[in-house]
Amino acid sequence: MSAPVVPGFRVEWTGRIAVYIPVKPGAQK
């Protein structure tokens, strides 16, 4: 299973659903 790569986003798989999470440069949680 794979998801298309979207610039500026990372993919988190939740079961069979791909969730795209925006990646902000320098942002830390």
PDB file of N, CA and C in Angstrom:
ATOM      1  N   MET A   1       0.857  -1.195   0.000  1.00  0.00           N
ATOM      2  CA  MET A   1       0.000   0.000   0.000  1.00  0.00           C
ATOM      3  C   MET A   1       0.893   1.245   0.000  1.00  0.00           C
ATOM      4  N   SER A   2       0.565   2.171  -0.871  1.00  0.00           N
ATOM      5  CA  SER A   2       1.376   3.385  -0.921  1.00  0.00           C
ATOM      6  C   SER A   2       0.487   4.577  -1.242  1.00  0.00           C
ATOM      7  N   ALA A   3       0.976   5.736  -0.868  1.00  0.00           N
ATOM      8  CA  ALA A   3       0.232   6.968  -1.136  1.00  0.00           C
ATOM      9  C   ALA A   3       1.135   7.906  -1.917  1.00  0.00           C
ATOM     10  N   PRO A   4       0.537   8.730  -2.770  1.00  0.00           N
ATOM     11  CA  PRO A   4       1.356   9.693  -3.521  1.00  0.00           C
ATOM     12  C   PRO A   4       2.080  10.648  -2.590  1.00  0.00           C
ATOM     13  N   VAL A   5       3.282  11.017  -2.980  1.00  0.00           N
ATOM     14  CA  VAL A   5       4.066  11.937  -2.152  1.00  0.00           C
ATOM     15  C   VAL A   5       3.655  13.362  -2.474  1.00  0.00           C
ATOM     16  N   VAL A   6       3.304  14.101  -1.449  1.00  0.00           N
ATOM     17  CA  VAL A   6       2.905  15.497  -1.638  1.00  0.00           C
ATOM     18  C   VAL A   6       3.931  16.387  -0.948  1.00  0.00           C
ATOM     19  N   PRO A   7       4.537  17.307  -1.700  1.00  0.00           N
ATOM     20  CA  PRO A   7       5.548  18.191  -1.109  1.00  0.00           C
ATOM     21  C   PRO A   7       4.973  18.978   0.068  1.00  0.00           C
ATOM     22  N   GLY A   8       5.722  19.009   1.182  1.00  0.00           N
ATOM     23  CA  GLY A   8       5.280  19.777   2.333  1.00  0.00           C
ATOM     24  C   GLY A   8       4.344  18.998   3.250  1.00  0.00           C
ATOM     25  N   PHE A   9       4.076  17.744   2.887  1.00  0.00           N
ATOM     26  CA  PHE A   9       3.196  16.934   3.727  1.00  0.00           C
ATOM     27  C   PHE A   9       3.841  15.603   4.027  1.00  0.00           C
ATOM     28  N   ARG A  10       3.458  15.034   5.177  1.00  0.00           N
ATOM     29  CA  ARG A  10       3.852  13.660   5.455  1.00  0.00           C
ATOM     30  C   ARG A  10       2.597  12.823   5.593  1.00  0.00           C
ATOM     31  N   VAL A  11       2.742  11.536   5.352  1.00  0.00           N
ATOM     32  CA  VAL A  11       1.572  10.657   5.335  1.00  0.00           C
ATOM     33  C   VAL A  11       1.536   9.811   6.587  1.00  0.00           C
ATOM     34  N   GLU A  12       0.400   9.813   7.261  1.00  0.00           N
ATOM     35  CA  GLU A  12       0.180   8.930   8.407  1.00  0.00           C
ATOM     36  C   GLU A  12      -0.920   7.956   8.022  1.00  0.00           C
ATOM     37  N   TRP A  13      -0.633   6.663   8.162  1.00  0.00           N
ATOM     38  CA  TRP A  13      -1.634   5.663   7.814  1.00  0.00           C
ATOM     39  C   TRP A  13      -2.467   5.327   9.034  1.00  0.00           C
ATOM     40  N   THR A  14      -3.780   5.494   8.879  1.00  0.00           N
ATOM     41  CA  THR A  14      -4.701   5.095   9.957  1.00  0.00           C
ATOM     42  C   THR A  14      -5.587   4.007   9.377  1.00  0.00           C
ATOM     43  N   GLY A  15      -5.145   2.771   9.553  1.00  0.00           N
ATOM     44  CA  GLY A  15      -5.879   1.670   8.936  1.00  0.00           C
ATOM     45  C   GLY A  15      -5.662   1.713   7.434  1.00  0.00           C
ATOM     46  N   ARG A  16      -6.731   1.872   6.657  1.00  0.00           N
ATOM     47  CA  ARG A  16      -6.596   1.908   5.205  1.00  0.00           C
ATOM     48  C   ARG A  16      -6.729   3.327   4.663  1.00  0.00           C
ATOM     49  N   ILE A  17      -6.754   4.296   5.567  1.00  0.00           N
ATOM     50  CA  ILE A  17      -6.902   5.694   5.150  1.00  0.00           C
ATOM     51  C   ILE A  17      -5.568   6.411   5.320  1.00  0.00           C
ATOM     52  N   ALA A  18      -5.161   7.103   4.277  1.00  0.00           N
ATOM     53  CA  ALA A  18      -3.926   7.879   4.363  1.00  0.00           C
ATOM     54  C   ALA A  18      -4.265   9.309   4.754  1.00  0.00           C
ATOM     55  N   VAL A  19      -3.663   9.768   5.847  1.00  0.00           N
ATOM     56  CA  VAL A  19      -3.927  11.125   6.318  1.00  0.00           C
ATOM     57  C   VAL A  19      -2.685  11.968   6.062  1.00  0.00           C
ATOM     58  N   TYR A  20      -2.897  13.071   5.351  1.00  0.00           N
ATOM     59  CA  TYR A  20      -1.765  13.953   5.053  1.00  0.00           C
ATOM     60  C   TYR A  20      -1.651  15.021   6.132  1.00  0.00           C
ATOM     61  N   ILE A  21      -0.449  15.138   6.702  1.00  0.00           N
ATOM     62  CA  ILE A  21      -0.214  16.116   7.765  1.00  0.00           C
ATOM     63  C   ILE A  21       0.807  17.128   7.261  1.00  0.00           C
ATOM     64  N   PRO A  22       0.439  18.407   7.276  1.00  0.00           N
ATOM     65  CA  PRO A  22       1.365  19.428   6.807  1.00  0.00           C
ATOM     66  C   PRO A  22       2.627  19.480   7.664  1.00  0.00           C
ATOM     67  N   VAL A  23       3.754  19.590   7.000  1.00  0.00           N
ATOM     68  CA  VAL A  23       5.030  19.676   7.724  1.00  0.00           C
ATOM     69  C   VAL A  23       5.523  21.109   7.642  1.00  0.00           C
ATOM     70  N   LYS A  24       5.653  21.737   8.795  1.00  0.00           N
ATOM     71  CA  LYS A  24       6.139  23.112   8.810  1.00  0.00           C
ATOM     72  C   LYS A  24       7.611  23.114   9.182  1.00  0.00           C
ATOM     73  N   PRO A  25       8.461  23.633   8.317  1.00  0.00           N
ATOM     74  CA  PRO A  25       9.898  23.659   8.582  1.00  0.00           C
ATOM     75  C   PRO A  25      10.214  24.354   9.909  1.00  0.00           C
ATOM     76  N   GLY A  26      10.975  23.664  10.747  1.00  0.00           N
ATOM     77  CA  GLY A  26      11.398  24.270  12.012  1.00  0.00           C
ATOM     78  C   GLY A  26      10.358  24.146  13.108  1.00  0.00           C
ATOM     79  N   ALA A  27       9.200  23.615  12.774  1.00  0.00           N
ATOM     80  CA  ALA A  27       8.160  23.475  13.809  1.00  0.00           C
ATOM     81  C   ALA A  27       8.409  22.212  14.613  1.00  0.00           C
ATOM     82  N   GLN A  28       8.314  22.330  15.919  1.00  0.00           N
ATOM     83  CA  GLN A  28       8.511  21.160  16.786  1.00  0.00           C
ATOM     84  C   GLN A  28       7.337  21.011  17.726  1.00  0.00           C
ATOM     85  N   LYS A  29       6.923  19.750  17.915  1.00  0.00           N
ATOM     86  CA  LYS A  29       5.787  19.518  18.811  1.00  0.00           C
ATOM     87  C   LYS A  29       6.307  19.207  20.201  1.00  0.00           C
TER      88      LYS A  29
END
